[in-house]
Amino acid sequence: MQSFDVVVIGAGAAGLFCAGVAGQRGLKVLVLDHSPKVAEKVRISGGGRANFTNRDIDVRQPHKHFVGQNPQFCRSALSRYTPADFIALMEKHHIPFHEKHKGQLFCDRSAGDLIDMLLTECEAGGVTRRQPCGVKDIRCTAEGVYELDTDQGQVQARKVVIATGGLSIPAIGATDFGFRVAKQFGLRTVDPRPGLVPLTFDGAGWAPYAGLAGLALPVIIETGLKKDRISFHEDLLFTHRGLSGPAVLQISSYWQPGTPIRINLAPEVDLPAVLADAKQRSRKLLANELAQWVPSRLADAWTAQEPDWQRPVAECSDKALARLAERLSRWELVPTGTEGYKKAEVTLGGVDTRDLSQQTMESKQPGLYFIGEVVDITGWLGGYNFQWAWASAHACGTSL
C-alpha cells in the first residue's frame, strides 16, 4: 500500500490549489479524481474565461456576498487569503486578466491559463495526480490512518481533504461523494439544492411571456419579506421556460419555493410620470409610447394583456395607465421551480460548518478536511465562489 502525507480527493479549483500549497510546504501529496478531465468546471466557467475572483469582497462582512446557515464561517479564511493574494499569483505566472464590472476579474485568453497555473503550482510541490481514478471506500484505522481503496489500488495517509464540489452540472462529473463521506464519519450536512440557477414557471401561466425568449434588459429583482428582503440590480433574460440572466441567478440563491419574486422592469424611469405626460401630448398607441422606456417586444407583450392597454395613450384612462405602471415596476410572480442541477452553477448547502474548523477546515473527524463548494458556503455570482475555493484551500493547505 502506497503512503502519502495527504490525499486530496477532487481535481477542481479548491483541490488543485490546496494540493499545490501543501506540496510546496514539503508534504507528499496525492490528488485523485474520478473524471478523466482536470478542473472541467473551471474550464467552462465565466463563458470559458473563468471569473476567478472579485475585488469587492468585504472580508469583514461575508454575509453580504455569501449564503449558508453561517456565512460568518468564511470570514477567517477569506481574510487570510484575499483577492489581492490570488491576483499576485496570477501576475507571478504572467496571466493577463481584466475587470468586467462590479469587481469581477476574468482571464483575458481563457480559463485554460488558470488551470495550467494550478497544475504548475502542483508540479512545484511534487504533487502526484491520478486521473481518472475513483475512490471506492475510505476507512480510518484505530491508529488514525486513512486507508483508501481506489481504482488504481490502495493508498494510505494521515490526512484526507475532500474537495469534490457539489451536485451542479452532473454532465461534467458532479456527484454527491463529498456528502456521503461526511455522513459516513458522522458529520452533519445541510440539505443541498441548486444555486445560481434559472427559475421556471408553469406552462399555461408562462404562455404570455414565452414569446419573449432571448430578450434581455436591466431590472431590479427582489425576494423575501421586510427584514429578509434581498434585491439585485442586474440583467434579466427571458427564456422559453422562465427567467435567467445574472439577476435571476443571483436571486435564486435566496428564493424559497412557493414564495414570490418581484421585478421592476423599468428601474431607470418613473413610469407613472412619463405615461401621464405621454397622455397629454402623444397620439401614439400605448405600446409604441411604452417602447421608449422598455424593449418594444416587452411593451407589446404587456399591453396585449388588457383591452384597456390596446389603444392610443391619449384615450387610456388614468387608472389603466397607473395599473400598467404598477404591473411593470412591481411584477410579482411565483416560480414553480428551477432548471435544477443540470443548469445550476453552484450547489447550496453541503457539509455543516458547525462540524468544521474555520481556521483549518478540519472536521470533527480528526484528519478529515472539507474545502470549496462541498461546504455549506455559497457565494454570489461574480467570482465569489472561486475566491472561497482559493481561501478555504489555502487555509487547509497551510494547516496540513
Protein backbone atom coordinates (compact mmCIF):
# COMPACT_ATOMS: atom_id res chain seq x y z
CA MET A 1 0.00 0.00 0.00
CA GLN A 2 1.42 3.39 -1.03
CA SER A 3 1.72 6.02 1.68
CA PHE A 4 1.25 9.78 1.37
CA ASP A 5 1.06 12.60 3.90
CA VAL A 6 -2.12 13.91 2.31
CA VAL A 7 -4.69 12.59 -0.16
CA VAL A 8 -6.82 15.27 -1.84
CA ILE A 9 -9.99 13.94 -3.48
CA GLY A 10 -11.15 16.25 -6.27
CA ALA A 11 -9.03 17.87 -9.00
CA GLY A 12 -11.03 21.10 -9.27
CA ALA A 13 -10.20 24.66 -8.21
CA ALA A 14 -10.05 24.03 -4.46
CA GLY A 15 -8.44 20.58 -4.65
CA LEU A 16 -5.61 21.53 -7.00
CA PHE A 17 -4.87 24.77 -5.17
CA CYS A 18 -4.78 23.03 -1.79
CA ALA A 19 -2.53 20.28 -3.16
CA GLY A 20 -0.07 22.83 -4.56
CA VAL A 21 0.06 24.77 -1.29
CA ALA A 22 0.60 21.61 0.79
CA GLY A 23 3.12 20.13 -1.63
CA GLN A 24 5.21 23.30 -1.67
CA ARG A 25 5.37 23.10 2.13
CA GLY A 26 7.16 19.76 1.87
CA LEU A 27 4.27 17.30 2.17
CA LYS A 28 3.89 14.23 -0.03
CA VAL A 29 0.52 14.84 -1.72
CA LEU A 30 -1.70 12.67 -3.92
CA VAL A 31 -4.66 14.10 -5.87
CA LEU A 32 -7.39 11.70 -7.02
CA ASP A 33 -10.36 12.42 -9.31
CA HIS A 34 -12.83 10.03 -10.94
CA SER A 35 -13.06 12.25 -14.05
CA PRO A 36 -10.52 11.94 -16.87
CA LYS A 37 -10.52 15.74 -17.32
CA VAL A 38 -8.84 18.09 -14.88
CA ALA A 39 -10.77 21.10 -13.47
CA GLU A 40 -13.54 20.85 -16.05
CA LYS A 41 -15.82 23.20 -14.11
CA VAL A 42 -13.06 25.83 -14.10
CA ARG A 43 -12.70 25.37 -17.87
CA ILE A 44 -16.35 26.13 -18.64
CA SER A 45 -16.81 28.88 -16.04
CA GLY A 46 -17.26 32.53 -16.92
CA GLY A 47 -18.01 31.73 -20.56
CA GLY A 48 -14.68 29.91 -20.80
CA ARG A 49 -12.71 32.79 -19.29
CA ALA A 50 -13.13 31.97 -15.57
CA ASN A 51 -14.33 34.82 -13.36
CA PHE A 52 -11.58 33.83 -10.91
CA THR A 53 -12.18 36.35 -8.11
CA ASN A 54 -13.89 39.60 -7.16
CA ARG A 55 -12.03 42.70 -5.96
CA ASP A 56 -15.08 43.90 -3.98
CA ILE A 57 -15.22 41.11 -1.39
CA ASP A 58 -15.71 42.64 2.06
CA VAL A 59 -14.00 40.10 4.31
CA ARG A 60 -15.32 41.85 7.41
CA GLN A 61 -18.92 41.30 6.29
CA PRO A 62 -19.04 37.98 4.43
CA HIS A 63 -22.83 37.75 4.87
CA LYS A 64 -23.08 40.47 2.20
CA HIS A 65 -21.84 38.15 -0.55
CA PHE A 66 -22.09 34.61 0.83
CA VAL A 67 -25.06 32.38 1.67
CA GLY A 68 -25.24 29.50 4.15
CA GLN A 69 -26.50 28.74 7.64
CA ASN A 70 -23.48 30.67 8.98
CA PRO A 71 -21.86 32.90 6.33
CA GLN A 72 -19.54 34.33 9.03
CA PHE A 73 -17.72 30.98 8.96
CA CYS A 74 -15.82 32.01 5.82
CA ARG A 75 -14.50 35.24 7.36
CA SER A 76 -11.30 33.72 8.76
CA ALA A 77 -10.18 32.04 5.52
CA LEU A 78 -11.17 34.98 3.30
CA SER A 79 -9.30 37.48 5.46
CA ARG A 80 -6.11 35.37 5.45
CA TYR A 81 -6.13 34.72 1.69
CA THR A 82 -7.61 37.68 -0.16
CA PRO A 83 -8.39 38.50 -3.80
CA ALA A 84 -5.14 40.55 -3.81
CA ASP A 85 -3.19 37.40 -2.85
CA PHE A 86 -4.66 35.43 -5.75
CA ILE A 87 -4.14 38.34 -8.16
CA ALA A 88 -0.47 38.38 -7.13
CA LEU A 89 -0.23 34.67 -8.01
CA MET A 90 -1.79 35.31 -11.44
CA GLU A 91 0.71 38.11 -12.04
CA LYS A 92 3.61 35.91 -10.95
CA HIS A 93 2.55 33.45 -13.68
CA HIS A 94 2.15 36.32 -16.20
CA ILE A 95 -1.52 35.54 -16.85
CA PRO A 96 -3.30 38.56 -18.37
CA PHE A 97 -6.72 39.39 -16.94
CA HIS A 98 -9.30 42.20 -16.94
CA GLU A 99 -12.11 43.56 -14.80
CA LYS A 100 -15.56 43.41 -16.41
CA HIS A 101 -17.73 45.25 -13.90
CA LYS A 102 -18.62 45.14 -10.20
CA GLY A 103 -15.12 43.90 -9.32
CA GLN A 104 -15.35 40.76 -11.48
CA LEU A 105 -11.96 39.59 -12.81
CA PHE A 106 -11.65 37.32 -15.87
CA CYS A 107 -8.75 35.74 -17.76
CA ASP A 108 -8.01 37.64 -21.00
CA ARG A 109 -7.41 34.50 -23.04
CA SER A 110 -9.13 31.51 -21.49
CA ALA A 111 -9.73 29.56 -18.30
CA GLY A 112 -7.08 27.16 -19.58
CA ASP A 113 -4.44 29.65 -18.36
CA LEU A 114 -5.83 29.33 -14.83
CA ILE A 115 -5.83 25.51 -14.97
CA ASP A 116 -2.25 25.48 -16.29
CA MET A 117 -1.24 27.73 -13.37
CA LEU A 118 -2.84 25.38 -10.82
CA LEU A 119 -1.09 22.39 -12.40
CA THR A 120 2.24 24.27 -12.44
CA GLU A 121 1.81 25.06 -8.73
CA CYS A 122 1.15 21.34 -8.09
CA GLU A 123 4.28 20.37 -10.05
CA ALA A 124 6.32 22.85 -7.98
CA GLY A 125 5.14 20.94 -4.91
CA GLY A 126 5.89 17.50 -6.38
CA VAL A 127 2.19 16.56 -6.25
CA THR A 128 1.17 13.16 -7.67
CA ARG A 129 -2.11 13.22 -9.64
CA ARG A 130 -4.14 10.18 -10.74
CA GLN A 131 -7.00 10.60 -13.20
CA PRO A 132 -9.37 9.00 -13.86
CA CYS A 133 -9.18 7.28 -10.51
CA GLY A 134 -12.30 6.83 -8.41
CA VAL A 135 -12.37 6.16 -4.67
CA LYS A 136 -14.44 3.10 -3.71
CA ASP A 137 -14.00 3.19 0.05
CA ILE A 138 -12.39 5.22 2.85
CA ARG A 139 -11.61 3.78 6.29
CA CYS A 140 -9.91 5.21 9.34
CA THR A 141 -7.82 2.76 11.38
CA ALA A 142 -7.57 2.72 15.16
CA GLU A 143 -4.21 4.50 14.77
CA GLY A 144 -5.88 7.38 12.90
CA VAL A 145 -4.56 6.45 9.45
CA TYR A 146 -6.91 6.68 6.46
CA GLU A 147 -6.94 3.78 4.02
CA LEU A 148 -8.47 4.35 0.60
CA ASP A 149 -9.48 1.71 -1.92
CA THR A 150 -9.08 3.35 -5.34
CA ASP A 151 -9.40 2.24 -8.96
CA GLN A 152 -5.58 2.16 -9.02
CA GLY A 153 -5.00 0.22 -5.80
CA GLN A 154 -4.83 1.01 -2.11
CA VAL A 155 -3.26 4.15 -0.63
CA GLN A 156 -2.97 5.48 2.92
CA ALA A 157 -2.46 8.88 4.53
CA ARG A 158 -2.92 10.59 7.88
CA LYS A 159 -4.80 13.48 6.24
CA VAL A 160 -7.62 13.38 3.67
CA VAL A 161 -9.03 16.51 2.01
CA ILE A 162 -12.47 16.32 0.37
CA ALA A 163 -12.68 18.86 -2.49
CA THR A 164 -15.30 17.13 -4.61
CA GLY A 165 -17.63 20.10 -5.13
CA GLY A 166 -21.41 19.89 -5.20
CA LEU A 167 -24.10 18.39 -7.40
CA SER A 168 -24.13 21.11 -10.08
CA ILE A 169 -23.65 20.17 -13.73
CA PRO A 170 -23.66 16.35 -13.49
CA ALA A 171 -22.73 16.22 -17.20
CA ILE A 172 -19.13 17.08 -16.24
CA GLY A 173 -18.94 14.56 -13.41
CA ALA A 174 -20.56 16.15 -10.33
CA THR A 175 -21.59 13.61 -7.65
CA ASP A 176 -22.66 13.50 -4.00
CA PHE A 177 -19.39 11.79 -2.97
CA GLY A 178 -18.40 14.54 -0.51
CA PHE A 179 -21.77 14.45 1.24
CA ARG A 180 -21.60 10.64 1.54
CA VAL A 181 -18.14 10.81 3.14
CA ALA A 182 -19.34 13.45 5.62
CA LYS A 183 -22.29 11.28 6.64
CA GLN A 184 -20.10 8.17 6.84
CA PHE A 185 -17.97 9.87 9.51
CA GLY A 186 -20.96 11.23 11.42
CA LEU A 187 -20.74 14.84 10.26
CA ARG A 188 -23.87 16.94 9.81
CA THR A 189 -24.90 18.21 6.37
CA VAL A 190 -27.29 20.91 5.19
CA ASP A 191 -29.66 19.58 2.51
CA PRO A 192 -28.29 20.59 -0.90
CA ARG A 193 -30.28 22.43 -3.56
CA PRO A 194 -29.40 24.14 -6.86
CA GLY A 195 -27.97 27.66 -6.60
CA LEU A 196 -27.27 30.37 -9.20
CA VAL A 197 -29.89 28.68 -11.35
CA PRO A 198 -32.61 29.81 -13.82
CA LEU A 199 -36.19 29.87 -12.49
CA THR A 200 -39.11 28.15 -14.24
CA PHE A 201 -42.86 28.78 -14.38
CA ASP A 202 -45.86 26.61 -15.28
CA GLY A 203 -46.65 26.32 -18.98
CA ALA A 204 -50.09 27.98 -19.08
CA GLY A 205 -49.13 30.81 -16.72
CA TRP A 206 -45.95 31.49 -18.69
CA ALA A 207 -47.66 31.46 -22.13
CA PRO A 208 -47.99 35.28 -22.41
CA TYR A 209 -44.23 35.66 -21.91
CA ALA A 210 -42.84 32.61 -23.76
CA GLY A 211 -42.56 34.69 -26.94
CA LEU A 212 -40.09 36.99 -25.17
CA ALA A 213 -37.42 34.26 -25.06
CA GLY A 214 -34.00 35.75 -25.75
CA LEU A 215 -34.93 39.25 -24.58
CA ALA A 216 -32.56 40.78 -22.00
CA LEU A 217 -32.91 44.01 -20.03
CA PRO A 218 -31.64 45.57 -16.77
CA VAL A 219 -34.04 45.15 -13.84
CA ILE A 220 -34.24 45.33 -10.07
CA ILE A 221 -35.29 41.93 -8.71
CA GLU A 222 -36.13 41.08 -5.10
CA THR A 223 -37.49 38.34 -2.87
CA GLY A 224 -38.20 37.86 0.82
CA LEU A 225 -40.13 39.87 3.38
CA LYS A 226 -39.12 43.02 5.25
CA LYS A 227 -36.08 42.03 7.28
CA ASP A 228 -35.05 39.20 4.94
CA ARG A 229 -35.62 41.16 1.73
CA ILE A 230 -32.76 40.99 -0.76
CA SER A 231 -32.55 42.73 -4.13
CA PHE A 232 -30.19 42.88 -7.11
CA HIS A 233 -29.82 45.40 -9.93
CA GLU A 234 -28.70 43.17 -12.81
CA ASP A 235 -29.70 41.97 -16.28
CA LEU A 236 -32.70 39.68 -16.71
CA LEU A 237 -33.08 37.17 -19.57
CA PHE A 238 -36.40 35.71 -20.71
CA THR A 239 -36.27 32.01 -21.69
CA HIS A 240 -38.84 29.62 -23.17
CA ARG A 241 -39.49 28.12 -19.74
CA GLY A 242 -38.93 31.07 -17.44
CA LEU A 243 -36.30 33.59 -16.41
CA SER A 244 -32.50 33.59 -16.34
CA GLY A 245 -29.63 36.07 -16.59
CA PRO A 246 -27.47 37.42 -13.74
CA ALA A 247 -30.45 38.98 -11.90
CA VAL A 248 -32.29 35.66 -11.65
CA LEU A 249 -29.20 33.56 -10.93
CA GLN A 250 -28.41 35.86 -8.00
CA ILE A 251 -31.93 35.87 -6.56
CA SER A 252 -32.27 32.08 -6.95
CA SER A 253 -29.86 31.53 -4.05
CA TYR A 254 -32.25 33.40 -1.75
CA TRP A 255 -35.62 32.42 -3.24
CA GLN A 256 -37.67 29.93 -1.21
CA PRO A 257 -40.05 27.56 -3.07
CA GLY A 258 -43.65 28.75 -3.01
CA THR A 259 -42.74 32.40 -2.41
CA PRO A 260 -42.90 35.24 -4.97
CA ILE A 261 -40.20 37.25 -6.66
CA ARG A 262 -40.81 40.90 -7.56
CA ILE A 263 -39.28 42.59 -10.60
CA ASN A 264 -39.06 46.24 -11.63
CA LEU A 265 -38.80 46.00 -15.43
CA ALA A 266 -38.13 49.74 -15.83
CA PRO A 267 -35.89 50.68 -12.89
CA GLU A 268 -34.39 53.76 -14.55
CA VAL A 269 -37.67 55.59 -15.18
CA ASP A 270 -40.65 56.94 -13.23
CA LEU A 271 -43.35 55.16 -15.28
CA PRO A 272 -46.45 56.78 -13.73
CA ALA A 273 -44.99 60.23 -14.50
CA VAL A 274 -43.86 59.53 -18.08
CA LEU A 275 -47.14 57.79 -19.01
CA ALA A 276 -49.19 60.65 -17.55
CA ASP A 277 -47.06 63.08 -19.55
CA ALA A 278 -47.44 60.99 -22.73
CA LYS A 279 -51.22 61.03 -22.34
CA GLN A 280 -51.17 64.84 -22.57
CA ARG A 281 -49.05 65.13 -25.71
CA SER A 282 -48.98 61.87 -27.72
CA ARG A 283 -51.31 60.28 -30.28
CA LYS A 284 -49.33 57.04 -30.46
CA LEU A 285 -50.62 53.65 -29.35
CA LEU A 286 -49.76 52.98 -25.71
CA ALA A 287 -47.45 50.11 -26.76
CA ASN A 288 -45.46 52.40 -29.06
CA GLU A 289 -45.16 55.05 -26.37
CA LEU A 290 -44.09 52.47 -23.78
CA ALA A 291 -41.38 51.18 -26.14
CA GLN A 292 -39.34 54.31 -25.40
CA TRP A 293 -38.65 53.02 -21.90
CA VAL A 294 -38.74 49.21 -22.20
CA PRO A 295 -37.89 46.91 -25.14
CA SER A 296 -40.66 47.00 -27.77
CA ARG A 297 -41.29 43.24 -27.55
CA LEU A 298 -41.89 43.64 -23.84
CA ALA A 299 -44.19 46.65 -24.42
CA ASP A 300 -46.23 44.63 -26.95
CA ALA A 301 -46.49 41.57 -24.67
CA TRP A 302 -47.58 43.68 -21.71
CA THR A 303 -50.17 45.84 -23.44
CA ALA A 304 -51.68 42.76 -25.11
CA GLN A 305 -52.79 41.53 -21.67
CA GLU A 306 -55.66 44.03 -21.24
CA PRO A 307 -58.05 45.66 -23.76
CA ASP A 308 -57.65 48.97 -21.88
CA TRP A 309 -53.97 49.00 -22.87
CA GLN A 310 -54.51 48.34 -26.60
CA ARG A 311 -55.45 51.88 -27.64
CA PRO A 312 -53.78 55.25 -28.16
CA VAL A 313 -52.24 56.53 -24.94
CA ALA A 314 -54.39 59.68 -25.09
CA GLU A 315 -57.52 57.51 -24.89
CA CYS A 316 -56.34 55.42 -21.92
CA SER A 317 -57.90 56.12 -18.54
CA ASP A 318 -55.65 57.35 -15.74
CA LYS A 319 -56.50 54.15 -13.86
CA ALA A 320 -55.42 51.94 -16.76
CA LEU A 321 -52.09 53.77 -17.08
CA ALA A 322 -51.48 53.58 -13.33
CA ARG A 323 -52.25 49.85 -13.39
CA LEU A 324 -49.79 49.29 -16.24
CA ALA A 325 -47.06 51.28 -14.49
CA GLU A 326 -47.63 49.26 -11.32
CA ARG A 327 -47.50 45.92 -13.20
CA LEU A 328 -44.27 46.83 -14.95
CA SER A 329 -42.49 48.28 -11.94
CA ARG A 330 -43.69 45.64 -9.50
CA TRP A 331 -44.26 42.45 -11.49
CA GLU A 332 -44.89 39.78 -8.87
CA LEU A 333 -44.78 36.12 -9.81
CA VAL A 334 -44.22 32.77 -8.09
CA PRO A 335 -41.76 30.40 -9.78
CA THR A 336 -42.82 26.76 -9.92
CA GLY A 337 -39.21 25.61 -9.62
CA THR A 338 -35.71 25.85 -11.06
CA GLU A 339 -33.85 24.33 -14.00
CA GLY A 340 -32.15 22.04 -11.45
CA TYR A 341 -28.57 20.90 -11.08
CA LYS A 342 -28.06 20.49 -14.84
CA LYS A 343 -28.14 24.29 -15.23
CA ALA A 344 -27.12 25.37 -11.70
CA GLU A 345 -23.71 27.00 -11.42
CA VAL A 346 -23.30 26.01 -7.76
CA THR A 347 -24.84 23.88 -5.01
CA LEU A 348 -26.35 25.48 -1.93
CA GLY A 349 -25.99 23.54 1.33
CA GLY A 350 -23.29 20.95 2.00
CA VAL A 351 -21.15 19.96 4.97
CA ASP A 352 -22.41 21.81 8.05
CA THR A 353 -19.91 24.48 9.12
CA ARG A 354 -20.65 23.67 12.79
CA ASP A 355 -18.62 20.48 12.27
CA LEU A 356 -15.61 22.24 10.68
CA SER A 357 -12.80 24.48 11.95
CA GLN A 358 -12.89 27.88 10.27
CA GLN A 359 -9.12 28.18 10.80
CA THR A 360 -8.06 24.89 9.20
CA MET A 361 -11.19 23.39 7.54
CA GLU A 362 -10.57 20.19 9.55
CA SER A 363 -13.76 18.39 10.56
CA LYS A 364 -14.67 16.93 13.93
CA GLN A 365 -13.35 13.68 12.45
CA PRO A 366 -9.59 14.21 13.04
CA GLY A 367 -7.51 14.32 9.84
CA LEU A 368 -10.54 14.76 7.54
CA TYR A 369 -10.91 18.15 5.85
CA PHE A 370 -13.56 19.71 3.58
CA ILE A 371 -12.95 22.70 1.28
CA GLY A 372 -14.67 24.62 -1.51
CA GLU A 373 -18.19 24.03 -2.76
CA VAL A 374 -18.80 20.85 -0.74
CA VAL A 375 -19.04 23.10 2.36
CA ASP A 376 -22.27 24.97 3.23
CA ILE A 377 -20.88 28.29 1.96
CA THR A 378 -22.10 29.66 -1.38
CA GLY A 379 -21.03 32.95 -2.93
CA TRP A 380 -22.81 35.35 -5.22
CA LEU A 381 -22.32 35.24 -8.96
CA GLY A 382 -19.23 37.21 -9.92
CA GLY A 383 -16.09 35.41 -8.72
CA TYR A 384 -17.09 34.95 -5.08
CA ASN A 385 -17.25 31.15 -5.24
CA PHE A 386 -13.79 30.92 -6.77
CA GLN A 387 -12.39 33.15 -4.02
CA TRP A 388 -13.98 30.86 -1.42
CA ALA A 389 -12.31 27.90 -3.19
CA TRP A 390 -8.87 29.59 -3.05
CA ALA A 391 -9.28 30.86 0.52
CA SER A 392 -10.60 27.60 2.02
CA ALA A 393 -7.96 25.61 0.11
CA HIS A 394 -5.20 27.90 1.35
CA ALA A 395 -6.42 27.74 4.97
CA CYS A 396 -6.43 23.94 4.71
CA GLY A 397 -3.17 23.58 2.76
CA THR A 398 -1.17 25.74 5.16
CA SER A 399 -2.51 23.86 8.20
CA LEU A 400 -1.82 20.35 6.93
